[in-house]
Amino acid sequence: MTDVAPGKEFVFKMPEGSVVGRARNLDELIQLVKTAPLPAVLYHAKGNHFAPWLDMIGRKQTSKRLSGLVINDKTVRVALLRALRS
């Protein structure tokens, strides 16, 4: 899997702005969805922050799958991982 250019990483942040991780490719994004603190995952999922980055890296179908997700605090990780992996 090809990494994005420096400065184009997905920056995983907490709602107040502190950085908890960076993803250079889809595999790293999947790992962060699994391991990042739940408030960070919810912040990005509810803000629809994943789709533009996925579009930028050429994963338009994956981006479209995310746009139809219903975000639930308890199942957000499972729903995101299914969409990102399929």
PDB file of N, CA and C in Angstrom:
ATOM      1  N   MET A   1       0.845  -1.175   0.000  1.00  0.00           N
ATOM      2  CA  MET A   1       0.000   0.000   0.000  1.00  0.00           C
ATOM      3  C   MET A   1       0.897   1.247   0.000  1.00  0.00           C
ATOM      4  N   THR A   2       0.566   2.190  -0.834  1.00  0.00           N
ATOM      5  CA  THR A   2       1.358   3.403  -0.974  1.00  0.00           C
ATOM      6  C   THR A   2       1.006   4.420   0.107  1.00  0.00           C
ATOM      7  N   ASP A   3       2.032   5.018   0.685  1.00  0.00           N
ATOM      8  CA  ASP A   3       1.829   6.073   1.672  1.00  0.00           C
ATOM      9  C   ASP A   3       1.592   7.410   0.979  1.00  0.00           C
ATOM     10  N   VAL A   4       0.811   8.276   1.632  1.00  0.00           N
ATOM     11  CA  VAL A   4       0.611   9.628   1.111  1.00  0.00           C
ATOM     12  C   VAL A   4       1.884  10.440   1.325  1.00  0.00           C
ATOM     13  N   ALA A   5       1.978  11.528   0.620  1.00  0.00           N
ATOM     14  CA  ALA A   5       3.131  12.421   0.761  1.00  0.00           C
ATOM     15  C   ALA A   5       3.137  13.056   2.151  1.00  0.00           C
ATOM     16  N   PRO A   6       4.311  13.396   2.649  1.00  0.00           N
ATOM     17  CA  PRO A   6       4.378  14.082   3.942  1.00  0.00           C
ATOM     18  C   PRO A   6       3.480  15.320   3.940  1.00  0.00           C
ATOM     19  N   GLY A   7       2.760  15.503   5.021  1.00  0.00           N
ATOM     20  CA  GLY A   7       1.834  16.623   5.141  1.00  0.00           C
ATOM     21  C   GLY A   7       0.421  16.289   4.685  1.00  0.00           C
ATOM     22  N   LYS A   8       0.233  15.125   4.074  1.00  0.00           N
ATOM     23  CA  LYS A   8      -1.094  14.709   3.592  1.00  0.00           C
ATOM     24  C   LYS A   8      -1.700  13.613   4.461  1.00  0.00           C
ATOM     25  N   GLU A   9      -1.050  13.275   5.571  1.00  0.00           N
ATOM     26  CA  GLU A   9      -1.533  12.232   6.460  1.00  0.00           C
ATOM     27  C   GLU A   9      -2.895  12.626   7.054  1.00  0.00           C
ATOM     28  N   PHE A  10      -3.655  11.608   7.430  1.00  0.00           N
ATOM     29  CA  PHE A  10      -4.872  11.869   8.200  1.00  0.00           C
ATOM     30  C   PHE A  10      -4.431  12.051   9.638  1.00  0.00           C
ATOM     31  N   VAL A  11      -4.705  13.205  10.193  1.00  0.00           N
ATOM     32  CA  VAL A  11      -4.300  13.512  11.565  1.00  0.00           C
ATOM     33  C   VAL A  11      -5.476  13.206  12.489  1.00  0.00           C
ATOM     34  N   PHE A  12      -5.295  12.201  13.310  1.00  0.00           N
ATOM     35  CA  PHE A  12      -6.324  11.765  14.237  1.00  0.00           C
ATOM     36  C   PHE A  12      -6.219  12.616  15.487  1.00  0.00           C
ATOM     37  N   LYS A  13      -7.300  13.335  15.808  1.00  0.00           N
ATOM     38  CA  LYS A  13      -7.282  14.265  16.934  1.00  0.00           C
ATOM     39  C   LYS A  13      -8.425  13.992  17.898  1.00  0.00           C
ATOM     40  N   MET A  14      -8.213  14.426  19.103  1.00  0.00           N
ATOM     41  CA  MET A  14      -9.274  14.455  20.101  1.00  0.00           C
ATOM     42  C   MET A  14     -10.129  15.690  19.796  1.00  0.00           C
ATOM     43  N   PRO A  15     -11.350  15.751  20.310  1.00  0.00           N
ATOM     44  CA  PRO A  15     -12.210  16.905  20.031  1.00  0.00           C
ATOM     45  C   PRO A  15     -11.584  18.258  20.395  1.00  0.00           C
ATOM     46  N   GLU A  16     -10.734  18.290  21.417  1.00  0.00           N
ATOM     47  CA  GLU A  16     -10.120  19.576  21.798  1.00  0.00           C
ATOM     48  C   GLU A  16      -8.882  19.904  20.959  1.00  0.00           C
ATOM     49  N   GLY A  17      -8.476  18.982  20.081  1.00  0.00           N
ATOM     50  CA  GLY A  17      -7.394  19.273  19.151  1.00  0.00           C
ATOM     51  C   GLY A  17      -6.082  18.543  19.377  1.00  0.00           C
ATOM     52  N   SER A  18      -5.920  17.833  20.481  1.00  0.00           N
ATOM     53  CA  SER A  18      -4.654  17.134  20.691  1.00  0.00           C
ATOM     54  C   SER A  18      -4.559  15.945  19.721  1.00  0.00           C
ATOM     55  N   VAL A  19      -3.376  15.765  19.159  1.00  0.00           N
ATOM     56  CA  VAL A  19      -3.148  14.721  18.158  1.00  0.00           C
ATOM     57  C   VAL A  19      -2.891  13.383  18.857  1.00  0.00           C
ATOM     58  N   VAL A  20      -3.608  12.340  18.399  1.00  0.00           N
ATOM     59  CA  VAL A  20      -3.423  11.009  18.976  1.00  0.00           C
ATOM     60  C   VAL A  20      -2.853  10.020  17.964  1.00  0.00           C
ATOM     61  N   GLY A  21      -2.682  10.444  16.729  1.00  0.00           N
ATOM     62  CA  GLY A  21      -2.094   9.567  15.727  1.00  0.00           C
ATOM     63  C   GLY A  21      -2.177  10.153  14.331  1.00  0.00           C
ATOM     64  N   ARG A  22      -1.440   9.537  13.419  1.00  0.00           N
ATOM     65  CA  ARG A  22      -1.436   9.950  12.015  1.00  0.00           C
ATOM     66  C   ARG A  22      -1.474   8.698  11.151  1.00  0.00           C
ATOM     67  N   ALA A  23      -2.236   8.787  10.073  1.00  0.00           N
ATOM     68  CA  ALA A  23      -2.326   7.667   9.135  1.00  0.00           C
ATOM     69  C   ALA A  23      -1.774   8.105   7.788  1.00  0.00           C
ATOM     70  N   ARG A  24      -0.851   7.296   7.257  1.00  0.00           N
ATOM     71  CA  ARG A  24      -0.272   7.576   5.944  1.00  0.00           C
ATOM     72  C   ARG A  24      -0.913   6.744   4.846  1.00  0.00           C
ATOM     73  N   ASN A  25      -1.725   5.768   5.243  1.00  0.00           N
ATOM     74  CA  ASN A  25      -2.390   4.909   4.264  1.00  0.00           C
ATOM     75  C   ASN A  25      -3.633   4.305   4.926  1.00  0.00           C
ATOM     76  N   LEU A  26      -4.399   3.562   4.145  1.00  0.00           N
ATOM     77  CA  LEU A  26      -5.647   3.001   4.656  1.00  0.00           C
ATOM     78  C   LEU A  26      -5.414   2.024   5.800  1.00  0.00           C
ATOM     79  N   ASP A  27      -4.382   1.211   5.722  1.00  0.00           N
ATOM     80  CA  ASP A  27      -4.100   0.260   6.807  1.00  0.00           C
ATOM     81  C   ASP A  27      -3.842   0.977   8.129  1.00  0.00           C
ATOM     82  N   GLU A  28      -3.113   2.069   8.079  1.00  0.00           N
ATOM     83  CA  GLU A  28      -2.842   2.831   9.298  1.00  0.00           C
ATOM     84  C   GLU A  28      -4.117   3.494   9.823  1.00  0.00           C
ATOM     85  N   LEU A  29      -4.985   3.948   8.913  1.00  0.00           N
ATOM     86  CA  LEU A  29      -6.256   4.527   9.347  1.00  0.00           C
ATOM     87  C   LEU A  29      -7.097   3.472  10.058  1.00  0.00           C
ATOM     88  N   ILE A  30      -7.149   2.276   9.494  1.00  0.00           N
ATOM     89  CA  ILE A  30      -7.893   1.180  10.124  1.00  0.00           C
ATOM     90  C   ILE A  30      -7.339   0.902  11.513  1.00  0.00           C
ATOM     91  N   GLN A  31      -6.031   0.872  11.658  1.00  0.00           N
ATOM     92  CA  GLN A  31      -5.416   0.626  12.969  1.00  0.00           C
ATOM     93  C   GLN A  31      -5.789   1.723  13.961  1.00  0.00           C
ATOM     94  N   LEU A  32      -5.812   2.964  13.512  1.00  0.00           N
ATOM     95  CA  LEU A  32      -6.185   4.058  14.409  1.00  0.00           C
ATOM     96  C   LEU A  32      -7.653   3.980  14.811  1.00  0.00           C
ATOM     97  N   VAL A  33      -8.521   3.598  13.888  1.00  0.00           N
ATOM     98  CA  VAL A  33      -9.928   3.438  14.245  1.00  0.00           C
ATOM     99  C   VAL A  33     -10.062   2.380  15.340  1.00  0.00           C
ATOM    100  N   LYS A  34      -9.235   1.349  15.277  1.00  0.00           N
ATOM    101  CA  LYS A  34      -9.269   0.279  16.289  1.00  0.00           C
ATOM    102  C   LYS A  34      -8.754   0.751  17.645  1.00  0.00           C
ATOM    103  N   THR A  35      -7.724   1.589  17.655  1.00  0.00           N
ATOM    104  CA  THR A  35      -6.990   1.846  18.896  1.00  0.00           C
ATOM    105  C   THR A  35      -7.120   3.255  19.470  1.00  0.00           C
ATOM    106  N   ALA A  36      -7.541   4.211  18.688  1.00  0.00           N
ATOM    107  CA  ALA A  36      -7.629   5.596  19.176  1.00  0.00           C
ATOM    108  C   ALA A  36      -8.718   5.698  20.247  1.00  0.00           C
ATOM    109  N   PRO A  37      -8.599   6.664  21.129  1.00  0.00           N
ATOM    110  CA  PRO A  37      -9.647   6.862  22.131  1.00  0.00           C
ATOM    111  C   PRO A  37     -11.008   7.089  21.441  1.00  0.00           C
ATOM    112  N   LEU A  38     -12.052   6.541  22.032  1.00  0.00           N
ATOM    113  CA  LEU A  38     -13.385   6.639  21.444  1.00  0.00           C
ATOM    114  C   LEU A  38     -13.801   8.075  21.137  1.00  0.00           C
ATOM    115  N   PRO A  39     -13.525   9.058  22.004  1.00  0.00           N
ATOM    116  CA  PRO A  39     -13.920  10.428  21.658  1.00  0.00           C
ATOM    117  C   PRO A  39     -13.292  10.914  20.342  1.00  0.00           C
ATOM    118  N   ALA A  40     -12.066  10.482  20.050  1.00  0.00           N
ATOM    119  CA  ALA A  40     -11.422  10.874  18.791  1.00  0.00           C
ATOM    120  C   ALA A  40     -12.117  10.216  17.602  1.00  0.00           C
ATOM    121  N   VAL A  41     -12.446   8.936  17.738  1.00  0.00           N
ATOM    122  CA  VAL A  41     -13.133   8.220  16.655  1.00  0.00           C
ATOM    123  C   VAL A  41     -14.485   8.873  16.386  1.00  0.00           C
ATOM    124  N   LEU A  42     -15.225   9.154  17.445  1.00  0.00           N
ATOM    125  CA  LEU A  42     -16.534   9.788  17.289  1.00  0.00           C
ATOM    126  C   LEU A  42     -16.420  11.184  16.681  1.00  0.00           C
ATOM    127  N   TYR A  43     -15.430  11.939  17.118  1.00  0.00           N
ATOM    128  CA  TYR A  43     -15.215  13.291  16.584  1.00  0.00           C
ATOM    129  C   TYR A  43     -15.054  13.253  15.068  1.00  0.00           C
ATOM    130  N   HIS A  44     -14.220  12.375  14.583  1.00  0.00           N
ATOM    131  CA  HIS A  44     -13.978  12.302  13.140  1.00  0.00           C
ATOM    132  C   HIS A  44     -15.153  11.673  12.393  1.00  0.00           C
ATOM    133  N   ALA A  45     -15.782  10.663  12.985  1.00  0.00           N
ATOM    134  CA  ALA A  45     -16.913  10.010  12.323  1.00  0.00           C
ATOM    135  C   ALA A  45     -18.112  10.954  12.216  1.00  0.00           C
ATOM    136  N   LYS A  46     -18.439  11.602  13.308  1.00  0.00           N
ATOM    137  CA  LYS A  46     -19.589  12.517  13.295  1.00  0.00           C
ATOM    138  C   LYS A  46     -19.320  13.758  12.462  1.00  0.00           C
ATOM    139  N   GLY A  47     -18.060  14.155  12.354  1.00  0.00           N
ATOM    140  CA  GLY A  47     -17.696  15.318  11.552  1.00  0.00           C
ATOM    141  C   GLY A  47     -17.486  15.005  10.082  1.00  0.00           C
ATOM    142  N   ASN A  48     -17.651  13.731   9.702  1.00  0.00           N
ATOM    143  CA  ASN A  48     -17.434  13.284   8.318  1.00  0.00           C
ATOM    144  C   ASN A  48     -16.035  13.667   7.826  1.00  0.00           C
ATOM    145  N   HIS A  49     -15.044  13.496   8.673  1.00  0.00           N
ATOM    146  CA  HIS A  49     -13.671  13.864   8.336  1.00  0.00           C
ATOM    147  C   HIS A  49     -12.943  12.800   7.516  1.00  0.00           C
ATOM    148  N   PHE A  50     -13.414  11.565   7.568  1.00  0.00           N
ATOM    149  CA  PHE A  50     -12.717  10.489   6.861  1.00  0.00           C
ATOM    150  C   PHE A  50     -12.909  10.563   5.346  1.00  0.00           C
ATOM    151  N   ALA A  51     -14.116  10.877   4.899  1.00  0.00           N
ATOM    152  CA  ALA A  51     -14.445  10.831   3.469  1.00  0.00           C
ATOM    153  C   ALA A  51     -13.537  11.705   2.600  1.00  0.00           C
ATOM    154  N   PRO A  52     -13.293  12.963   2.943  1.00  0.00           N
ATOM    155  CA  PRO A  52     -12.417  13.768   2.071  1.00  0.00           C
ATOM    156  C   PRO A  52     -11.007  13.190   1.949  1.00  0.00           C
ATOM    157  N   TRP A  53     -10.489  12.653   3.039  1.00  0.00           N
ATOM    158  CA  TRP A  53      -9.147  12.064   2.987  1.00  0.00           C
ATOM    159  C   TRP A  53      -9.155  10.809   2.127  1.00  0.00           C
ATOM    160  N   LEU A  54     -10.171   9.994   2.272  1.00  0.00           N
ATOM    161  CA  LEU A  54     -10.279   8.791   1.444  1.00  0.00           C
ATOM    162  C   LEU A  54     -10.409   9.155  -0.030  1.00  0.00           C
ATOM    163  N   ASP A  55     -11.164  10.195  -0.335  1.00  0.00           N
ATOM    164  CA  ASP A  55     -11.255  10.676  -1.728  1.00  0.00           C
ATOM    165  C   ASP A  55      -9.878  11.088  -2.233  1.00  0.00           C
ATOM    166  N   MET A  56      -9.141  11.803  -1.398  1.00  0.00           N
ATOM    167  CA  MET A  56      -7.820  12.294  -1.787  1.00  0.00           C
ATOM    168  C   MET A  56      -6.863  11.150  -2.112  1.00  0.00           C
ATOM    169  N   ILE A  57      -6.974  10.032  -1.384  1.00  0.00           N
ATOM    170  CA  ILE A  57      -6.062   8.919  -1.641  1.00  0.00           C
ATOM    171  C   ILE A  57      -6.618   7.948  -2.688  1.00  0.00           C
ATOM    172  N   GLY A  58      -7.721   8.344  -3.327  1.00  0.00           N
ATOM    173  CA  GLY A  58      -8.262   7.539  -4.414  1.00  0.00           C
ATOM    174  C   GLY A  58      -9.192   6.421  -3.987  1.00  0.00           C
ATOM    175  N   ARG A  59      -9.701   6.473  -2.778  1.00  0.00           N
ATOM    176  CA  ARG A  59     -10.613   5.438  -2.268  1.00  0.00           C
ATOM    177  C   ARG A  59     -12.049   5.969  -2.269  1.00  0.00           C
ATOM    178  N   LYS A  60     -12.532   6.355  -3.447  1.00  0.00           N
ATOM    179  CA  LYS A  60     -13.847   6.975  -3.573  1.00  0.00           C
ATOM    180  C   LYS A  60     -14.986   6.033  -3.176  1.00  0.00           C
ATOM    181  N   GLN A  61     -14.890   4.754  -3.517  1.00  0.00           N
ATOM    182  CA  GLN A  61     -15.937   3.802  -3.136  1.00  0.00           C
ATOM    183  C   GLN A  61     -16.005   3.661  -1.616  1.00  0.00           C
ATOM    184  N   THR A  62     -14.860   3.619  -0.985  1.00  0.00           N
ATOM    185  CA  THR A  62     -14.816   3.533   0.478  1.00  0.00           C
ATOM    186  C   THR A  62     -15.424   4.790   1.087  1.00  0.00           C
ATOM    187  N   SER A  63     -15.107   5.923   0.516  1.00  0.00           N
ATOM    188  CA  SER A  63     -15.656   7.193   0.976  1.00  0.00           C
ATOM    189  C   SER A  63     -17.178   7.197   0.883  1.00  0.00           C
ATOM    190  N   LYS A  64     -17.708   6.689  -0.213  1.00  0.00           N
ATOM    191  CA  LYS A  64     -19.163   6.630  -0.390  1.00  0.00           C
ATOM    192  C   LYS A  64     -19.817   5.725   0.648  1.00  0.00           C
ATOM    193  N   ARG A  65     -19.172   4.613   0.967  1.00  0.00           N
ATOM    194  CA  ARG A  65     -19.721   3.716   1.984  1.00  0.00           C
ATOM    195  C   ARG A  65     -19.823   4.415   3.341  1.00  0.00           C
ATOM    196  N   LEU A  66     -18.854   5.239   3.643  1.00  0.00           N
ATOM    197  CA  LEU A  66     -18.877   5.943   4.926  1.00  0.00           C
ATOM    198  C   LEU A  66     -19.986   6.983   4.990  1.00  0.00           C
ATOM    199  N   SER A  67     -20.323   7.569   3.857  1.00  0.00           N
ATOM    200  CA  SER A  67     -21.333   8.624   3.868  1.00  0.00           C
ATOM    201  C   SER A  67     -22.709   8.096   4.269  1.00  0.00           C
ATOM    202  N   GLY A  68     -22.960   6.806   4.092  1.00  0.00           N
ATOM    203  CA  GLY A  68     -24.247   6.237   4.459  1.00  0.00           C
ATOM    204  C   GLY A  68     -24.311   5.679   5.866  1.00  0.00           C
ATOM    205  N   LEU A  69     -23.237   5.785   6.616  1.00  0.00           N
ATOM    206  CA  LEU A  69     -23.217   5.204   7.961  1.00  0.00           C
ATOM    207  C   LEU A  69     -24.031   6.028   8.954  1.00  0.00           C
ATOM    208  N   VAL A  70     -24.735   5.310   9.800  1.00  0.00           N
ATOM    209  CA  VAL A  70     -25.396   5.941  10.934  1.00  0.00           C
ATOM    210  C   VAL A  70     -24.426   5.795  12.103  1.00  0.00           C
ATOM    211  N   ILE A  71     -24.034   6.907  12.674  1.00  0.00           N
ATOM    212  CA  ILE A  71     -23.029   6.887  13.738  1.00  0.00           C
ATOM    213  C   ILE A  71     -23.701   6.688  15.092  1.00  0.00           C
ATOM    214  N   ASN A  72     -23.332   5.615  15.741  1.00  0.00           N
ATOM    215  CA  ASN A  72     -23.835   5.250  17.050  1.00  0.00           C
ATOM    216  C   ASN A  72     -22.624   5.152  17.972  1.00  0.00           C
ATOM    217  N   ASP A  73     -22.688   5.795  19.110  1.00  0.00           N
ATOM    218  CA  ASP A  73     -21.546   5.825  20.025  1.00  0.00           C
ATOM    219  C   ASP A  73     -21.038   4.441  20.401  1.00  0.00           C
ATOM    220  N   LYS A  74     -21.911   3.457  20.488  1.00  0.00           N
ATOM    221  CA  LYS A  74     -21.511   2.128  20.930  1.00  0.00           C
ATOM    222  C   LYS A  74     -20.948   1.264  19.806  1.00  0.00           C
ATOM    223  N   THR A  75     -21.373   1.514  18.575  1.00  0.00           N
ATOM    224  CA  THR A  75     -20.976   0.632  17.473  1.00  0.00           C
ATOM    225  C   THR A  75     -20.152   1.346  16.401  1.00  0.00           C
ATOM    226  N   VAL A  76     -19.684   2.537  16.688  1.00  0.00           N
ATOM    227  CA  VAL A  76     -18.983   3.319  15.674  1.00  0.00           C
ATOM    228  C   VAL A  76     -17.745   2.601  15.136  1.00  0.00           C
ATOM    229  N   ARG A  77     -16.957   2.000  15.992  1.00  0.00           N
ATOM    230  CA  ARG A  77     -15.740   1.329  15.517  1.00  0.00           C
ATOM    231  C   ARG A  77     -16.076   0.178  14.572  1.00  0.00           C
ATOM    232  N   VAL A  78     -17.034  -0.646  14.955  1.00  0.00           N
ATOM    233  CA  VAL A  78     -17.401  -1.795  14.124  1.00  0.00           C
ATOM    234  C   VAL A  78     -17.920  -1.322  12.770  1.00  0.00           C
ATOM    235  N   ALA A  79     -18.791  -0.319  12.768  1.00  0.00           N
ATOM    236  CA  ALA A  79     -19.356   0.181  11.520  1.00  0.00           C
ATOM    237  C   ALA A  79     -18.263   0.775  10.619  1.00  0.00           C
ATOM    238  N   LEU A  80     -17.366   1.549  11.200  1.00  0.00           N
ATOM    239  CA  LEU A  80     -16.278   2.141  10.411  1.00  0.00           C
ATOM    240  C   LEU A  80     -15.356   1.068   9.845  1.00  0.00           C
ATOM    241  N   LEU A  81     -14.998   0.117  10.677  1.00  0.00           N
ATOM    242  CA  LEU A  81     -14.078  -0.930  10.209  1.00  0.00           C
ATOM    243  C   LEU A  81     -14.694  -1.751   9.078  1.00  0.00           C
ATOM    244  N   ARG A  82     -15.975  -2.067   9.177  1.00  0.00           N
ATOM    245  CA  ARG A  82     -16.632  -2.792   8.085  1.00  0.00           C
ATOM    246  C   ARG A  82     -16.572  -1.990   6.796  1.00  0.00           C
ATOM    247  N   ALA A  83     -16.882  -0.716   6.872  1.00  0.00           N
ATOM    248  CA  ALA A  83     -16.883   0.132   5.675  1.00  0.00           C
ATOM    249  C   ALA A  83     -15.483   0.302   5.109  1.00  0.00           C
ATOM    250  N   LEU A  84     -14.491   0.454   5.973  1.00  0.00           N
ATOM    251  CA  LEU A  84     -13.119   0.655   5.504  1.00  0.00           C
ATOM    252  C   LEU A  84     -12.506  -0.608   4.901  1.00  0.00           C
ATOM    253  N   ARG A  85     -12.900  -1.760   5.399  1.00  0.00           N
ATOM    254  CA  ARG A  85     -12.318  -3.019   4.928  1.00  0.00           C
ATOM    255  C   ARG A  85     -12.988  -3.586   3.692  1.00  0.00           C
ATOM    256  N   SER A  86     -14.222  -3.198   3.426  1.00  0.00           N
ATOM    257  CA  SER A  86     -14.931  -3.820   2.288  1.00  0.00           C
ATOM    258  C   SER A  86     -14.630  -3.150   0.967  1.00  0.00           C
TER     259      SER A  86
END
